[in-house]
Amino acid sequence: MAYVMFAMLFVLLIIGVVITATIGNSRQAGEQETGMRAYYVARSGVEAAYESLLTTEPSLLTGPAVNSFLNNGAMVLNDTLSFDQGTAEVTVSCTGTGFDRRIRIRSVGTIDGVSRTVALEFYLHYDKHPEMYWSK
């Protein structure tokens, strides 16, 4: 009888450990999924801002608007973009002078209280500096 009680106690202990581990893994997987969704919302914010800089007629990067936005020293523009499942707080900033003028688009994507940040940096003059840098 004592052996049976000990075996049942041992089996119940193992079941408890397995259930606790399963619940913890499920919670962690859910948090990772939400984090990835927030990352993609942030990335979408950067891509939307980049696209609007290039496709606005005239382009904010090459047209007359470049004088008001890019050539007045360091400037910052902020906007909030709403997506189906979250929001992206987008900041466009410009620093440097002449051919070294650099544009940085930073986006913080938020879904269900989880935030991820993505940034893209590039130089205004592609012919002199064709590099683009994505942050992680």
Protein backbone atom coordinates (compact mmCIF):
# COMPACT_ATOMS: atom_id res chain seq x y z
CA MET A 1 0.00 0.00 0.00
CA ALA A 2 2.85 2.39 0.81
CA TYR A 3 4.48 1.65 -2.56
CA VAL A 4 1.25 2.38 -4.42
CA MET A 5 0.84 5.72 -2.57
CA PHE A 6 4.46 6.63 -3.31
CA ALA A 7 4.04 5.71 -7.01
CA MET A 8 0.84 7.78 -7.29
CA LEU A 9 2.51 10.75 -5.59
CA PHE A 10 5.43 10.46 -8.00
CA VAL A 11 3.11 10.28 -11.05
CA LEU A 12 1.12 13.31 -9.84
CA LEU A 13 4.37 15.23 -9.32
CA ILE A 14 5.52 14.42 -12.86
CA ILE A 15 2.12 15.45 -14.28
CA GLY A 16 2.32 18.76 -12.38
CA VAL A 17 5.80 19.48 -13.75
CA VAL A 18 4.72 18.68 -17.32
CA ILE A 19 1.62 20.90 -17.07
CA THR A 20 3.65 23.80 -15.62
CA ALA A 21 6.25 23.50 -18.40
CA THR A 22 3.54 23.34 -21.08
CA ILE A 23 1.78 26.44 -19.76
CA GLY A 24 5.09 28.32 -19.57
CA ASN A 25 6.02 27.35 -23.13
CA SER A 26 2.60 28.38 -24.44
CA ARG A 27 2.87 31.78 -22.73
CA GLN A 28 6.38 32.31 -24.09
CA ALA A 29 5.29 31.37 -27.63
CA GLY A 30 2.41 33.86 -27.42
CA GLU A 31 4.77 36.63 -26.28
CA GLN A 32 7.18 35.85 -29.11
CA GLU A 33 4.35 35.96 -31.65
CA THR A 34 3.13 39.32 -30.34
CA GLY A 35 6.72 40.62 -30.43
CA MET A 36 7.13 39.53 -34.06
CA ARG A 37 3.83 41.15 -35.01
CA ALA A 38 4.95 44.38 -33.30
CA TYR A 39 8.25 44.19 -35.22
CA TYR A 40 6.41 43.91 -38.54
CA VAL A 41 4.13 46.82 -37.62
CA ALA A 42 7.25 48.89 -36.88
CA ARG A 43 8.85 47.79 -40.14
CA SER A 44 5.67 48.68 -42.03
CA GLY A 45 5.81 52.15 -40.46
CA VAL A 46 9.37 52.65 -41.72
CA GLU A 47 8.48 51.40 -45.19
CA ALA A 48 5.38 53.62 -45.39
CA ALA A 49 7.40 56.70 -44.38
CA TYR A 50 10.17 55.85 -46.85
CA GLU A 51 7.65 55.32 -49.63
CA SER A 52 5.94 58.64 -48.89
CA LEU A 53 9.30 60.43 -48.96
CA LEU A 54 9.98 59.00 -52.42
CA THR A 55 6.54 59.14 -54.02
CA THR A 56 5.17 62.48 -52.82
CA GLU A 57 4.89 64.73 -55.88
CA PRO A 58 7.35 66.31 -55.97
CA SER A 59 9.44 63.91 -53.94
CA LEU A 60 10.32 65.17 -50.47
CA LEU A 61 13.86 63.98 -51.18
CA THR A 62 14.40 65.67 -54.54
CA GLY A 63 11.75 68.33 -55.09
CA PRO A 64 11.31 71.87 -53.77
CA ALA A 65 10.13 70.49 -50.43
CA VAL A 66 13.71 69.37 -49.81
CA ASN A 67 14.52 73.00 -49.01
CA SER A 68 11.94 73.22 -46.25
CA PHE A 69 12.42 69.75 -44.78
CA LEU A 70 16.01 68.73 -45.38
CA ASN A 71 18.03 71.91 -45.71
CA ASN A 72 16.90 73.71 -42.55
CA GLY A 73 19.36 71.99 -40.27
CA ALA A 74 18.38 68.97 -38.20
CA MET A 75 14.66 68.48 -38.51
CA VAL A 76 12.28 65.92 -37.08
CA LEU A 77 8.84 64.90 -38.31
CA ASN A 78 6.56 62.65 -36.22
CA ASP A 79 3.45 60.73 -37.16
CA THR A 80 1.36 57.83 -35.90
CA LEU A 81 0.23 55.20 -38.38
CA SER A 82 -2.58 52.81 -37.53
CA PHE A 83 -2.60 49.28 -38.86
CA ASP A 84 -5.17 46.51 -38.41
CA GLN A 85 -3.60 45.16 -35.25
CA GLY A 86 -1.44 47.96 -33.88
CA THR A 87 0.16 51.36 -34.30
CA ALA A 88 3.53 52.64 -35.43
CA GLU A 89 5.02 55.84 -34.03
CA VAL A 90 7.19 57.05 -36.91
CA THR A 91 9.93 59.67 -36.62
CA VAL A 92 11.80 61.02 -39.63
CA SER A 93 14.91 63.03 -38.86
CA CYS A 94 17.59 64.60 -40.98
CA THR A 95 21.14 65.47 -39.93
CA GLY A 96 24.38 66.49 -41.58
CA THR A 97 25.11 68.87 -44.40
CA GLY A 98 25.78 68.72 -48.12
CA PHE A 99 26.55 65.28 -49.50
CA ASP A 100 26.72 63.89 -45.96
CA ARG A 101 23.07 64.70 -45.23
CA ARG A 102 21.59 61.59 -43.63
CA ILE A 103 17.95 60.68 -43.18
CA ARG A 104 16.82 58.37 -40.38
CA ILE A 105 13.37 56.84 -40.20
CA ARG A 106 12.60 55.27 -36.82
CA SER A 107 9.40 53.42 -36.05
CA VAL A 108 8.11 51.93 -32.80
CA GLY A 109 5.44 49.32 -33.45
CA THR A 110 3.05 48.49 -30.61
CA ILE A 111 0.57 45.63 -30.34
CA ASP A 112 -1.17 44.66 -27.10
CA GLY A 113 1.33 46.63 -25.03
CA VAL A 114 4.37 44.99 -26.67
CA SER A 115 6.70 47.32 -28.60
CA ARG A 116 9.49 46.76 -31.08
CA THR A 117 11.69 49.39 -32.75
CA VAL A 118 13.04 49.42 -36.30
CA ALA A 119 15.13 52.12 -37.99
CA LEU A 120 16.35 52.80 -41.50
CA GLU A 121 19.21 55.20 -42.25
CA PHE A 122 20.31 56.37 -45.67
CA TYR A 123 22.07 59.30 -47.26
CA LEU A 124 20.19 61.87 -49.29
CA HIS A 125 22.68 61.65 -52.19
CA TYR A 126 22.60 58.06 -53.43
CA ASP A 127 25.30 58.70 -56.01
CA LYS A 128 27.85 59.55 -53.30
CA HIS A 129 26.56 57.21 -50.53
CA PRO A 130 24.39 54.34 -51.87
CA GLU A 131 24.32 52.52 -48.52
CA MET A 132 21.15 51.90 -46.54
CA TYR A 133 21.24 50.58 -42.98
CA TRP A 134 18.43 48.70 -41.23
CA SER A 135 18.61 48.37 -37.47
CA LYS A 136 17.63 45.14 -35.77
